[in-house]
Amino acid sequence: MATESHDTMRRSTRLALQVGVLITTLDLRNQVCEECRTVAINAHGCGVIMQEPLKVGTPLLIDLLAQQRSKKARVVVCVTLSEAGPKSYLVGLEFETPENFWGIESPPADWAIATKG
């Protein structure tokens, strides 16, 4: 039985771009509002470095700091990056619906396919 590698299963190409965002949880029991930067973006979401850990499944709003644009997403992974000193977390976020939310002028071809299907 053949298995696909993680890269071939990826739904849309990742771009290693730092974009300023404001992450605000929509869960009233776990309110977090943190300004941070992405480490990777794609048509389905992004990865950000945060100072606060977030639980998988937490609904949130991503606001682009440079533009007046926001989008609902949810946490799909949260990994501790540092045990010593100030802790930081790599948080993977998935949009409710895929799109070129980032406003990339010439996005990878699979971003267009992702937004159609």
PDB file of N, CA and C in Angstrom:
ATOM      1  N   MET A   1       0.840  -1.182   0.000  1.00  0.00           N
ATOM      2  CA  MET A   1       0.000   0.000   0.000  1.00  0.00           C
ATOM      3  C   MET A   1       0.887   1.248   0.000  1.00  0.00           C
ATOM      4  N   ALA A   2       0.745   2.091  -0.973  1.00  0.00           N
ATOM      5  CA  ALA A   2       1.546   3.310  -1.086  1.00  0.00           C
ATOM      6  C   ALA A   2       0.993   4.375  -0.148  1.00  0.00           C
ATOM      7  N   THR A   3       1.892   5.144   0.444  1.00  0.00           N
ATOM      8  CA  THR A   3       1.464   6.246   1.297  1.00  0.00           C
ATOM      9  C   THR A   3       2.016   7.537   0.715  1.00  0.00           C
ATOM     10  N   GLU A   4       1.232   8.603   0.864  1.00  0.00           N
ATOM     11  CA  GLU A   4       1.670   9.902   0.381  1.00  0.00           C
ATOM     12  C   GLU A   4       2.489  10.586   1.453  1.00  0.00           C
ATOM     13  N   SER A   5       3.492  11.346   1.028  1.00  0.00           N
ATOM     14  CA  SER A   5       4.253  12.127   1.994  1.00  0.00           C
ATOM     15  C   SER A   5       3.396  13.295   2.461  1.00  0.00           C
ATOM     16  N   HIS A   6       3.790  13.866   3.592  1.00  0.00           N
ATOM     17  CA  HIS A   6       3.040  14.998   4.134  1.00  0.00           C
ATOM     18  C   HIS A   6       2.961  16.141   3.127  1.00  0.00           C
ATOM     19  N   ASP A   7       4.051  16.418   2.382  1.00  0.00           N
ATOM     20  CA  ASP A   7       4.069  17.516   1.408  1.00  0.00           C
ATOM     21  C   ASP A   7       3.099  17.284   0.260  1.00  0.00           C
ATOM     22  N   THR A   8       2.963  16.036  -0.214  1.00  0.00           N
ATOM     23  CA  THR A   8       2.051  15.785  -1.329  1.00  0.00           C
ATOM     24  C   THR A   8       0.607  15.842  -0.879  1.00  0.00           C
ATOM     25  N   MET A   9       0.343  15.692   0.423  1.00  0.00           N
ATOM     26  CA  MET A   9      -1.016  15.774   0.933  1.00  0.00           C
ATOM     27  C   MET A   9      -1.424  17.211   1.249  1.00  0.00           C
ATOM     28  N   ARG A  10      -0.468  18.140   1.282  1.00  0.00           N
ATOM     29  CA  ARG A  10      -0.763  19.531   1.621  1.00  0.00           C
ATOM     30  C   ARG A  10      -1.813  20.073   0.663  1.00  0.00           C
ATOM     31  N   ARG A  11      -2.776  20.800   1.199  1.00  0.00           N
ATOM     32  CA  ARG A  11      -3.878  21.300   0.389  1.00  0.00           C
ATOM     33  C   ARG A  11      -3.521  22.516  -0.434  1.00  0.00           C
ATOM     34  N   SER A  12      -2.612  23.346   0.055  1.00  0.00           N
ATOM     35  CA  SER A  12      -2.161  24.508  -0.718  1.00  0.00           C
ATOM     36  C   SER A  12      -0.736  24.863  -0.302  1.00  0.00           C
ATOM     37  N   THR A  13       0.015  25.393  -1.251  1.00  0.00           N
ATOM     38  CA  THR A  13       1.423  25.700  -1.051  1.00  0.00           C
ATOM     39  C   THR A  13       1.616  26.718   0.067  1.00  0.00           C
ATOM     40  N   ARG A  14       2.578  26.430   0.936  1.00  0.00           N
ATOM     41  CA  ARG A  14       2.939  27.366   1.996  1.00  0.00           C
ATOM     42  C   ARG A  14       3.952  28.361   1.478  1.00  0.00           C
ATOM     43  N   LEU A  15       3.813  29.605   1.918  1.00  0.00           N
ATOM     44  CA  LEU A  15       4.794  30.650   1.654  1.00  0.00           C
ATOM     45  C   LEU A  15       5.362  31.091   2.995  1.00  0.00           C
ATOM     46  N   ALA A  16       6.677  31.151   3.111  1.00  0.00           N
ATOM     47  CA  ALA A  16       7.333  31.569   4.348  1.00  0.00           C
ATOM     48  C   ALA A  16       7.370  33.096   4.391  1.00  0.00           C
ATOM     49  N   LEU A  17       6.274  33.684   4.856  1.00  0.00           N
ATOM     50  CA  LEU A  17       6.164  35.147   4.926  1.00  0.00           C
ATOM     51  C   LEU A  17       5.780  35.585   6.327  1.00  0.00           C
ATOM     52  N   GLN A  18       6.389  36.676   6.756  1.00  0.00           N
ATOM     53  CA  GLN A  18       6.020  37.276   8.029  1.00  0.00           C
ATOM     54  C   GLN A  18       5.014  38.387   7.762  1.00  0.00           C
ATOM     55  N   VAL A  19       3.815  38.188   8.270  1.00  0.00           N
ATOM     56  CA  VAL A  19       2.726  39.142   8.100  1.00  0.00           C
ATOM     57  C   VAL A  19       2.212  39.493   9.494  1.00  0.00           C
ATOM     58  N   GLY A  20       2.075  40.780   9.781  1.00  0.00           N
ATOM     59  CA  GLY A  20       1.554  41.206  11.073  1.00  0.00           C
ATOM     60  C   GLY A  20       0.064  40.920  11.183  1.00  0.00           C
ATOM     61  N   VAL A  21      -0.324  40.214  12.251  1.00  0.00           N
ATOM     62  CA  VAL A  21      -1.727  39.861  12.470  1.00  0.00           C
ATOM     63  C   VAL A  21      -2.101  40.086  13.929  1.00  0.00           C
ATOM     64  N   LEU A  22      -3.385  40.250  14.153  1.00  0.00           N
ATOM     65  CA  LEU A  22      -3.944  40.300  15.499  1.00  0.00           C
ATOM     66  C   LEU A  22      -4.821  39.068  15.633  1.00  0.00           C
ATOM     67  N   ILE A  23      -4.530  38.232  16.622  1.00  0.00           N
ATOM     68  CA  ILE A  23      -5.289  37.016  16.865  1.00  0.00           C
ATOM     69  C   ILE A  23      -6.190  37.265  18.067  1.00  0.00           C
ATOM     70  N   THR A  24      -7.495  37.083  17.893  1.00  0.00           N
ATOM     71  CA  THR A  24      -8.466  37.282  18.964  1.00  0.00           C
ATOM     72  C   THR A  24      -9.341  36.047  19.062  1.00  0.00           C
ATOM     73  N   THR A  25      -9.341  35.400  20.226  1.00  0.00           N
ATOM     74  CA  THR A  25     -10.177  34.215  20.390  1.00  0.00           C
ATOM     75  C   THR A  25     -11.637  34.627  20.478  1.00  0.00           C
ATOM     76  N   LEU A  26     -12.510  33.750  20.002  1.00  0.00           N
ATOM     77  CA  LEU A  26     -13.949  33.984  20.051  1.00  0.00           C
ATOM     78  C   LEU A  26     -14.604  33.155  21.151  1.00  0.00           C
ATOM     79  N   ASP A  27     -13.793  32.477  21.952  1.00  0.00           N
ATOM     80  CA  ASP A  27     -14.247  31.657  23.070  1.00  0.00           C
ATOM     81  C   ASP A  27     -14.233  32.525  24.325  1.00  0.00           C
ATOM     82  N   LEU A  28     -15.396  32.840  24.866  1.00  0.00           N
ATOM     83  CA  LEU A  28     -15.484  33.733  26.022  1.00  0.00           C
ATOM     84  C   LEU A  28     -14.837  33.148  27.275  1.00  0.00           C
ATOM     85  N   ARG A  29     -14.655  31.829  27.334  1.00  0.00           N
ATOM     86  CA  ARG A  29     -14.027  31.188  28.491  1.00  0.00           C
ATOM     87  C   ARG A  29     -12.507  31.275  28.440  1.00  0.00           C
ATOM     88  N   ASN A  30     -11.963  31.541  27.259  1.00  0.00           N
ATOM     89  CA  ASN A  30     -10.514  31.601  27.090  1.00  0.00           C
ATOM     90  C   ASN A  30     -10.190  32.794  26.186  1.00  0.00           C
ATOM     91  N   GLN A  31     -10.316  33.992  26.747  1.00  0.00           N
ATOM     92  CA  GLN A  31     -10.108  35.193  25.952  1.00  0.00           C
ATOM     93  C   GLN A  31      -8.629  35.528  25.820  1.00  0.00           C
ATOM     94  N   VAL A  32      -8.175  35.604  24.566  1.00  0.00           N
ATOM     95  CA  VAL A  32      -6.804  35.981  24.241  1.00  0.00           C
ATOM     96  C   VAL A  32      -6.866  36.957  23.081  1.00  0.00           C
ATOM     97  N   CYS A  33      -6.088  38.008  23.156  1.00  0.00           N
ATOM     98  CA  CYS A  33      -5.951  38.959  22.057  1.00  0.00           C
ATOM     99  C   CYS A  33      -4.469  39.300  22.000  1.00  0.00           C
ATOM    100  N   GLU A  34      -3.813  38.855  20.909  1.00  0.00           N
ATOM    101  CA  GLU A  34      -2.361  39.009  20.822  1.00  0.00           C
ATOM    102  C   GLU A  34      -1.936  39.425  19.424  1.00  0.00           C
ATOM    103  N   GLU A  35      -1.092  40.437  19.365  1.00  0.00           N
ATOM    104  CA  GLU A  35      -0.498  40.868  18.102  1.00  0.00           C
ATOM    105  C   GLU A  35       0.747  40.020  17.867  1.00  0.00           C
ATOM    106  N   CYS A  36       0.850  39.433  16.683  1.00  0.00           N
ATOM    107  CA  CYS A  36       1.998  38.580  16.382  1.00  0.00           C
ATOM    108  C   CYS A  36       2.266  38.581  14.883  1.00  0.00           C
ATOM    109  N   ARG A  37       3.197  37.730  14.456  1.00  0.00           N
ATOM    110  CA  ARG A  37       3.572  37.636  13.046  1.00  0.00           C
ATOM    111  C   ARG A  37       3.449  36.187  12.594  1.00  0.00           C
ATOM    112  N   THR A  38       3.070  36.032  11.337  1.00  0.00           N
ATOM    113  CA  THR A  38       3.021  34.693  10.765  1.00  0.00           C
ATOM    114  C   THR A  38       4.441  34.211  10.484  1.00  0.00           C
ATOM    115  N   VAL A  39       4.613  32.904  10.412  1.00  0.00           N
ATOM    116  CA  VAL A  39       5.877  32.321   9.949  1.00  0.00           C
ATOM    117  C   VAL A  39       5.660  31.631   8.606  1.00  0.00           C
ATOM    118  N   ALA A  40       4.414  31.278   8.322  1.00  0.00           N
ATOM    119  CA  ALA A  40       4.048  30.666   7.044  1.00  0.00           C
ATOM    120  C   ALA A  40       2.570  30.942   6.793  1.00  0.00           C
ATOM    121  N   ILE A  41       2.227  31.126   5.510  1.00  0.00           N
ATOM    122  CA  ILE A  41       0.835  31.366   5.133  1.00  0.00           C
ATOM    123  C   ILE A  41       0.486  30.452   3.963  1.00  0.00           C
ATOM    124  N   ASN A  42      -0.796  30.169   3.799  1.00  0.00           N
ATOM    125  CA  ASN A  42      -1.295  29.501   2.596  1.00  0.00           C
ATOM    126  C   ASN A  42      -2.773  29.833   2.441  1.00  0.00           C
ATOM    127  N   ALA A  43      -3.418  29.243   1.453  1.00  0.00           N
ATOM    128  CA  ALA A  43      -4.828  29.546   1.191  1.00  0.00           C
ATOM    129  C   ALA A  43      -5.745  29.001   2.280  1.00  0.00           C
ATOM    130  N   HIS A  44      -5.239  28.065   3.085  1.00  0.00           N
ATOM    131  CA  HIS A  44      -6.063  27.427   4.115  1.00  0.00           C
ATOM    132  C   HIS A  44      -5.817  27.964   5.514  1.00  0.00           C
ATOM    133  N   GLY A  45      -4.817  28.840   5.696  1.00  0.00           N
ATOM    134  CA  GLY A  45      -4.543  29.362   7.027  1.00  0.00           C
ATOM    135  C   GLY A  45      -3.125  29.859   7.172  1.00  0.00           C
ATOM    136  N   CYS A  46      -2.568  29.645   8.377  1.00  0.00           N
ATOM    137  CA  CYS A  46      -1.214  30.133   8.648  1.00  0.00           C
ATOM    138  C   CYS A  46      -0.650  29.496   9.906  1.00  0.00           C
ATOM    139  N   GLY A  47       0.630  29.739  10.106  1.00  0.00           N
ATOM    140  CA  GLY A  47       1.292  29.413  11.356  1.00  0.00           C
ATOM    141  C   GLY A  47       1.780  30.710  11.966  1.00  0.00           C
ATOM    142  N   VAL A  48       1.576  30.881  13.268  1.00  0.00           N
ATOM    143  CA  VAL A  48       2.006  32.095  13.966  1.00  0.00           C
ATOM    144  C   VAL A  48       2.778  31.707  15.222  1.00  0.00           C
ATOM    145  N   ILE A  49       3.645  32.598  15.670  1.00  0.00           N
ATOM    146  CA  ILE A  49       4.337  32.435  16.942  1.00  0.00           C
ATOM    147  C   ILE A  49       3.606  33.310  17.951  1.00  0.00           C
ATOM    148  N   MET A  50       3.142  32.680  19.044  1.00  0.00           N
ATOM    149  CA  MET A  50       2.392  33.404  20.069  1.00  0.00           C
ATOM    150  C   MET A  50       3.030  33.210  21.437  1.00  0.00           C
ATOM    151  N   GLN A  51       2.726  34.105  22.347  1.00  0.00           N
ATOM    152  CA  GLN A  51       3.193  33.996  23.728  1.00  0.00           C
ATOM    153  C   GLN A  51       2.199  33.224  24.589  1.00  0.00           C
ATOM    154  N   GLU A  52       0.955  33.118  24.128  1.00  0.00           N
ATOM    155  CA  GLU A  52      -0.095  32.398  24.851  1.00  0.00           C
ATOM    156  C   GLU A  52      -0.430  31.111  24.122  1.00  0.00           C
ATOM    157  N   PRO A  53      -0.528  29.985  24.850  1.00  0.00           N
ATOM    158  CA  PRO A  53      -0.956  28.746  24.190  1.00  0.00           C
ATOM    159  C   PRO A  53      -2.461  28.784  23.936  1.00  0.00           C
ATOM    160  N   LEU A  54      -2.891  28.135  22.863  1.00  0.00           N
ATOM    161  CA  LEU A  54      -4.320  28.041  22.552  1.00  0.00           C
ATOM    162  C   LEU A  54      -4.687  26.577  22.380  1.00  0.00           C
ATOM    163  N   LYS A  55      -5.878  26.211  22.828  1.00  0.00           N
ATOM    164  CA  LYS A  55      -6.349  24.839  22.704  1.00  0.00           C
ATOM    165  C   LYS A  55      -6.796  24.546  21.278  1.00  0.00           C
ATOM    166  N   VAL A  56      -6.510  23.332  20.833  1.00  0.00           N
ATOM    167  CA  VAL A  56      -6.962  22.890  19.515  1.00  0.00           C
ATOM    168  C   VAL A  56      -8.488  23.012  19.462  1.00  0.00           C
ATOM    169  N   GLY A  57      -8.977  23.555  18.364  1.00  0.00           N
ATOM    170  CA  GLY A  57     -10.412  23.749  18.174  1.00  0.00           C
ATOM    171  C   GLY A  57     -10.912  25.132  18.554  1.00  0.00           C
ATOM    172  N   THR A  58     -10.079  25.927  19.218  1.00  0.00           N
ATOM    173  CA  THR A  58     -10.489  27.270  19.637  1.00  0.00           C
ATOM    174  C   THR A  58     -10.834  28.127  18.424  1.00  0.00           C
ATOM    175  N   PRO A  59     -12.052  28.680  18.378  1.00  0.00           N
ATOM    176  CA  PRO A  59     -12.396  29.584  17.277  1.00  0.00           C
ATOM    177  C   PRO A  59     -11.773  30.954  17.515  1.00  0.00           C
ATOM    178  N   LEU A  60     -11.379  31.611  16.423  1.00  0.00           N
ATOM    179  CA  LEU A  60     -10.740  32.918  16.571  1.00  0.00           C
ATOM    180  C   LEU A  60     -10.911  33.762  15.324  1.00  0.00           C
ATOM    181  N   LEU A  61     -10.486  34.986  15.436  1.00  0.00           N
ATOM    182  CA  LEU A  61     -10.516  35.942  14.338  1.00  0.00           C
ATOM    183  C   LEU A  61      -9.082  36.378  14.061  1.00  0.00           C
ATOM    184  N   ILE A  62      -8.697  36.345  12.782  1.00  0.00           N
ATOM    185  CA  ILE A  62      -7.388  36.827  12.353  1.00  0.00           C
ATOM    186  C   ILE A  62      -7.606  38.168  11.667  1.00  0.00           C
ATOM    187  N   ASP A  63      -6.954  39.202  12.167  1.00  0.00           N
ATOM    188  CA  ASP A  63      -7.019  40.529  11.549  1.00  0.00           C
ATOM    189  C   ASP A  63      -5.663  40.848  10.946  1.00  0.00           C
ATOM    190  N   LEU A  64      -5.641  41.254   9.675  1.00  0.00           N
ATOM    191  CA  LEU A  64      -4.405  41.725   9.050  1.00  0.00           C
ATOM    192  C   LEU A  64      -4.138  43.134   9.556  1.00  0.00           C
ATOM    193  N   LEU A  65      -2.967  43.369  10.107  1.00  0.00           N
ATOM    194  CA  LEU A  65      -2.664  44.676  10.681  1.00  0.00           C
ATOM    195  C   LEU A  65      -2.473  45.753   9.617  1.00  0.00           C
ATOM    196  N   ALA A  66      -1.968  45.386   8.443  1.00  0.00           N
ATOM    197  CA  ALA A  66      -1.693  46.363   7.388  1.00  0.00           C
ATOM    198  C   ALA A  66      -2.926  46.687   6.545  1.00  0.00           C
ATOM    199  N   GLN A  67      -3.984  45.903   6.692  1.00  0.00           N
ATOM    200  CA  GLN A  67      -5.192  46.094   5.885  1.00  0.00           C
ATOM    201  C   GLN A  67      -6.409  45.945   6.789  1.00  0.00           C
ATOM    202  N   GLN A  68      -7.524  46.450   6.363  1.00  0.00           N
ATOM    203  CA  GLN A  68      -8.743  46.280   7.139  1.00  0.00           C
ATOM    204  C   GLN A  68      -9.451  45.030   6.639  1.00  0.00           C
ATOM    205  N   ARG A  69      -8.894  43.891   7.048  1.00  0.00           N
ATOM    206  CA  ARG A  69      -9.437  42.619   6.612  1.00  0.00           C
ATOM    207  C   ARG A  69      -9.347  41.638   7.769  1.00  0.00           C
ATOM    208  N   SER A  70     -10.395  40.836   7.974  1.00  0.00           N
ATOM    209  CA  SER A  70     -10.364  39.830   9.024  1.00  0.00           C
ATOM    210  C   SER A  70     -11.057  38.563   8.534  1.00  0.00           C
ATOM    211  N   LYS A  71     -10.740  37.452   9.191  1.00  0.00           N
ATOM    212  CA  LYS A  71     -11.279  36.155   8.775  1.00  0.00           C
ATOM    213  C   LYS A  71     -11.360  35.234   9.982  1.00  0.00           C
ATOM    214  N   LYS A  72     -12.431  34.445  10.030  1.00  0.00           N
ATOM    215  CA  LYS A  72     -12.583  33.459  11.097  1.00  0.00           C
ATOM    216  C   LYS A  72     -11.734  32.236  10.792  1.00  0.00           C
ATOM    217  N   ALA A  73     -11.205  31.658  11.873  1.00  0.00           N
ATOM    218  CA  ALA A  73     -10.359  30.471  11.759  1.00  0.00           C
ATOM    219  C   ALA A  73     -10.503  29.660  13.047  1.00  0.00           C
ATOM    220  N   ARG A  74      -9.744  28.551  13.108  1.00  0.00           N
ATOM    221  CA  ARG A  74      -9.705  27.749  14.330  1.00  0.00           C
ATOM    222  C   ARG A  74      -8.291  27.212  14.508  1.00  0.00           C
ATOM    223  N   VAL A  75      -7.947  26.897  15.753  1.00  0.00           N
ATOM    224  CA  VAL A  75      -6.633  26.346  16.067  1.00  0.00           C
ATOM    225  C   VAL A  75      -6.620  24.865  15.692  1.00  0.00           C
ATOM    226  N   VAL A  76      -5.591  24.445  14.934  1.00  0.00           N
ATOM    227  CA  VAL A  76      -5.454  23.030  14.579  1.00  0.00           C
ATOM    228  C   VAL A  76      -4.242  22.384  15.240  1.00  0.00           C
ATOM    229  N   VAL A  77      -3.293  23.178  15.712  1.00  0.00           N
ATOM    230  CA  VAL A  77      -2.125  22.645  16.425  1.00  0.00           C
ATOM    231  C   VAL A  77      -1.506  23.755  17.263  1.00  0.00           C
ATOM    232  N   CYS A  78      -0.942  23.369  18.405  1.00  0.00           N
ATOM    233  CA  CYS A  78      -0.217  24.318  19.263  1.00  0.00           C
ATOM    234  C   CYS A  78       0.952  23.563  19.885  1.00  0.00           C
ATOM    235  N   VAL A  79       2.173  24.019  19.565  1.00  0.00           N
ATOM    236  CA  VAL A  79       3.390  23.337  19.994  1.00  0.00           C
ATOM    237  C   VAL A  79       4.270  24.309  20.775  1.00  0.00           C
ATOM    238  N   THR A  80       4.757  23.879  21.935  1.00  0.00           N
ATOM    239  CA  THR A  80       5.680  24.698  22.720  1.00  0.00           C
ATOM    240  C   THR A  80       7.021  24.771  22.005  1.00  0.00           C
ATOM    241  N   LEU A  81       7.540  25.984  21.827  1.00  0.00           N
ATOM    242  CA  LEU A  81       8.824  26.170  21.158  1.00  0.00           C
ATOM    243  C   LEU A  81       9.980  26.286  22.136  1.00  0.00           C
ATOM    244  N   SER A  82       9.717  26.759  23.347  1.00  0.00           N
ATOM    245  CA  SER A  82      10.792  27.007  24.294  1.00  0.00           C
ATOM    246  C   SER A  82      10.338  26.654  25.699  1.00  0.00           C
ATOM    247  N   GLU A  83      11.127  25.849  26.390  1.00  0.00           N
ATOM    248  CA  GLU A  83      10.833  25.515  27.784  1.00  0.00           C
ATOM    249  C   GLU A  83      11.553  26.461  28.739  1.00  0.00           C
ATOM    250  N   ALA A  84      12.703  26.960  28.322  1.00  0.00           N
ATOM    251  CA  ALA A  84      13.491  27.853  29.165  1.00  0.00           C
ATOM    252  C   ALA A  84      13.148  29.304  28.851  1.00  0.00           C
ATOM    253  N   GLY A  85      13.180  30.140  29.853  1.00  0.00           N
ATOM    254  CA  GLY A  85      12.899  31.557  29.638  1.00  0.00           C
ATOM    255  C   GLY A  85      11.453  31.785  29.266  1.00  0.00           C
ATOM    256  N   PRO A  86      11.175  32.890  28.579  1.00  0.00           N
ATOM    257  CA  PRO A  86       9.788  33.146  28.176  1.00  0.00           C
ATOM    258  C   PRO A  86       9.330  32.085  27.175  1.00  0.00           C
ATOM    259  N   LYS A  87       8.195  31.500  27.442  1.00  0.00           N
ATOM    260  CA  LYS A  87       7.680  30.467  26.542  1.00  0.00           C
ATOM    261  C   LYS A  87       7.063  31.102  25.304  1.00  0.00           C
ATOM    262  N   SER A  88       7.171  30.390  24.200  1.00  0.00           N
ATOM    263  CA  SER A  88       6.494  30.792  22.976  1.00  0.00           C
ATOM    264  C   SER A  88       5.921  29.533  22.337  1.00  0.00           C
ATOM    265  N   TYR A  89       4.945  29.720  21.476  1.00  0.00           N
ATOM    266  CA  TYR A  89       4.204  28.608  20.897  1.00  0.00           C
ATOM    267  C   TYR A  89       4.033  28.811  19.399  1.00  0.00           C
ATOM    268  N   LEU A  90       4.193  27.738  18.662  1.00  0.00           N
ATOM    269  CA  LEU A  90       3.854  27.736  17.251  1.00  0.00           C
ATOM    270  C   LEU A  90       2.407  27.274  17.178  1.00  0.00           C
ATOM    271  N   VAL A  91       1.553  28.133  16.632  1.00  0.00           N
ATOM    272  CA  VAL A  91       0.120  27.835  16.570  1.00  0.00           C
ATOM    273  C   VAL A  91      -0.301  27.766  15.107  1.00  0.00           C
ATOM    274  N   GLY A  92      -0.873  26.644  14.716  1.00  0.00           N
ATOM    275  CA  GLY A  92      -1.392  26.461  13.367  1.00  0.00           C
ATOM    276  C   GLY A  92      -2.860  26.820  13.325  1.00  0.00           C
ATOM    277  N   LEU A  93      -3.229  27.694  12.389  1.00  0.00           N
ATOM    278  CA  LEU A  93      -4.602  28.176  12.269  1.00  0.00           C
ATOM    279  C   LEU A  93      -5.177  27.801  10.912  1.00  0.00           C
ATOM    280  N   GLU A  94      -6.428  27.357  10.898  1.00  0.00           N
ATOM    281  CA  GLU A  94      -7.110  26.970   9.666  1.00  0.00           C
ATOM    282  C   GLU A  94      -8.334  27.854   9.461  1.00  0.00           C
ATOM    283  N   PHE A  95      -8.439  28.454   8.265  1.00  0.00           N
ATOM    284  CA  PHE A  95      -9.604  29.279   7.925  1.00  0.00           C
ATOM    285  C   PHE A  95     -10.863  28.433   7.839  1.00  0.00           C
ATOM    286  N   GLU A  96     -12.013  29.081   8.062  1.00  0.00           N
ATOM    287  CA  GLU A  96     -13.290  28.399   7.848  1.00  0.00           C
ATOM    288  C   GLU A  96     -13.435  27.998   6.387  1.00  0.00           C
ATOM    289  N   THR A  97     -13.022  28.896   5.491  1.00  0.00           N
ATOM    290  CA  THR A  97     -13.050  28.624   4.052  1.00  0.00           C
ATOM    291  C   THR A  97     -11.744  29.127   3.447  1.00  0.00           C
ATOM    292  N   PRO A  98     -11.133  28.362   2.542  1.00  0.00           N
ATOM    293  CA  PRO A  98      -9.862  28.789   1.950  1.00  0.00           C
ATOM    294  C   PRO A  98     -10.038  29.959   0.986  1.00  0.00           C
ATOM    295  N   GLU A  99      -9.024  30.810   0.916  1.00  0.00           N
ATOM    296  CA  GLU A  99      -9.003  31.932  -0.025  1.00  0.00           C
ATOM    297  C   GLU A  99      -7.641  32.610   0.032  1.00  0.00           C
ATOM    298  N   ASN A 100      -7.418  33.542  -0.866  1.00  0.00           N
ATOM    299  CA  ASN A 100      -6.202  34.350  -0.841  1.00  0.00           C
ATOM    300  C   ASN A 100      -6.446  35.545   0.088  1.00  0.00           C
ATOM    301  N   PHE A 101      -6.674  35.255   1.350  1.00  0.00           N
ATOM    302  CA  PHE A 101      -6.914  36.255   2.380  1.00  0.00           C
ATOM    303  C   PHE A 101      -5.738  37.224   2.501  1.00  0.00           C
ATOM    304  N   TRP A 102      -4.551  36.746   2.187  1.00  0.00           N
ATOM    305  CA  TRP A 102      -3.320  37.503   2.381  1.00  0.00           C
ATOM    306  C   TRP A 102      -3.094  38.562   1.306  1.00  0.00           C
ATOM    307  N   GLY A 103      -3.847  38.494   0.217  1.00  0.00           N
ATOM    308  CA  GLY A 103      -3.705  39.484  -0.847  1.00  0.00           C
ATOM    309  C   GLY A 103      -2.437  39.323  -1.659  1.00  0.00           C
ATOM    310  N   ILE A 104      -1.939  38.100  -1.788  1.00  0.00           N
ATOM    311  CA  ILE A 104      -0.742  37.829  -2.576  1.00  0.00           C
ATOM    312  C   ILE A 104      -1.078  38.053  -4.052  1.00  0.00           C
ATOM    313  N   GLU A 105      -0.322  38.922  -4.733  1.00  0.00           N
ATOM    314  CA  GLU A 105      -0.623  39.278  -6.125  1.00  0.00           C
ATOM    315  C   GLU A 105      -0.529  38.097  -7.081  1.00  0.00           C
ATOM    316  N   SER A 106       0.482  37.283  -6.956  1.00  0.00           N
ATOM    317  CA  SER A 106       0.648  36.114  -7.814  1.00  0.00           C
ATOM    318  C   SER A 106       0.758  34.868  -6.938  1.00  0.00           C
ATOM    319  N   PRO A 107      -0.370  34.415  -6.386  1.00  0.00           N
ATOM    320  CA  PRO A 107      -0.314  33.266  -5.484  1.00  0.00           C
ATOM    321  C   PRO A 107      -0.012  31.976  -6.251  1.00  0.00           C
ATOM    322  N   PRO A 108       0.460  30.941  -5.546  1.00  0.00           N
ATOM    323  CA  PRO A 108       0.675  29.650  -6.196  1.00  0.00           C
ATOM    324  C   PRO A 108      -0.618  29.166  -6.857  1.00  0.00           C
ATOM    325  N   ALA A 109      -0.492  28.412  -7.928  1.00  0.00           N
ATOM    326  CA  ALA A 109      -1.652  27.946  -8.701  1.00  0.00           C
ATOM    327  C   ALA A 109      -2.643  27.168  -7.849  1.00  0.00           C
ATOM    328  N   ASP A 110      -2.153  26.386  -6.886  1.00  0.00           N
ATOM    329  CA  ASP A 110      -3.076  25.589  -6.093  1.00  0.00           C
ATOM    330  C   ASP A 110      -3.925  26.421  -5.118  1.00  0.00           C
ATOM    331  N   TRP A 111      -3.594  27.689  -4.926  1.00  0.00           N
ATOM    332  CA  TRP A 111      -4.449  28.543  -4.109  1.00  0.00           C
ATOM    333  C   TRP A 111      -5.780  28.791  -4.820  1.00  0.00           C
ATOM    334  N   ALA A 112      -5.765  28.949  -6.134  1.00  0.00           N
ATOM    335  CA  ALA A 112      -7.002  29.159  -6.906  1.00  0.00           C
ATOM    336  C   ALA A 112      -7.866  27.902  -6.862  1.00  0.00           C
ATOM    337  N   ILE A 113      -7.242  26.748  -6.966  1.00  0.00           N
ATOM    338  CA  ILE A 113      -7.977  25.483  -6.902  1.00  0.00           C
ATOM    339  C   ILE A 113      -8.603  25.315  -5.531  1.00  0.00           C
ATOM    340  N   ALA A 114      -7.876  25.677  -4.467  1.00  0.00           N
ATOM    341  CA  ALA A 114      -8.363  25.554  -3.103  1.00  0.00           C
ATOM    342  C   ALA A 114      -9.599  26.413  -2.864  1.00  0.00           C
ATOM    343  N   THR A 115      -9.650  27.597  -3.431  1.00  0.00           N
ATOM    344  CA  THR A 115     -10.770  28.490  -3.187  1.00  0.00           C
ATOM    345  C   THR A 115     -12.015  28.082  -3.981  1.00  0.00           C
ATOM    346  N   LYS A 116     -11.844  27.300  -5.035  1.00  0.00           N
ATOM    347  CA  LYS A 116     -12.989  26.847  -5.839  1.00  0.00           C
ATOM    348  C   LYS A 116     -13.654  25.628  -5.237  1.00  0.00           C
ATOM    349  N   GLY A 117     -12.905  24.776  -4.585  1.00  0.00           N
ATOM    350  CA  GLY A 117     -13.448  23.508  -4.166  1.00  0.00           C
ATOM    351  C   GLY A 117     -13.535  23.361  -2.740  1.00  0.00           C
TER     352      GLY A 117
END
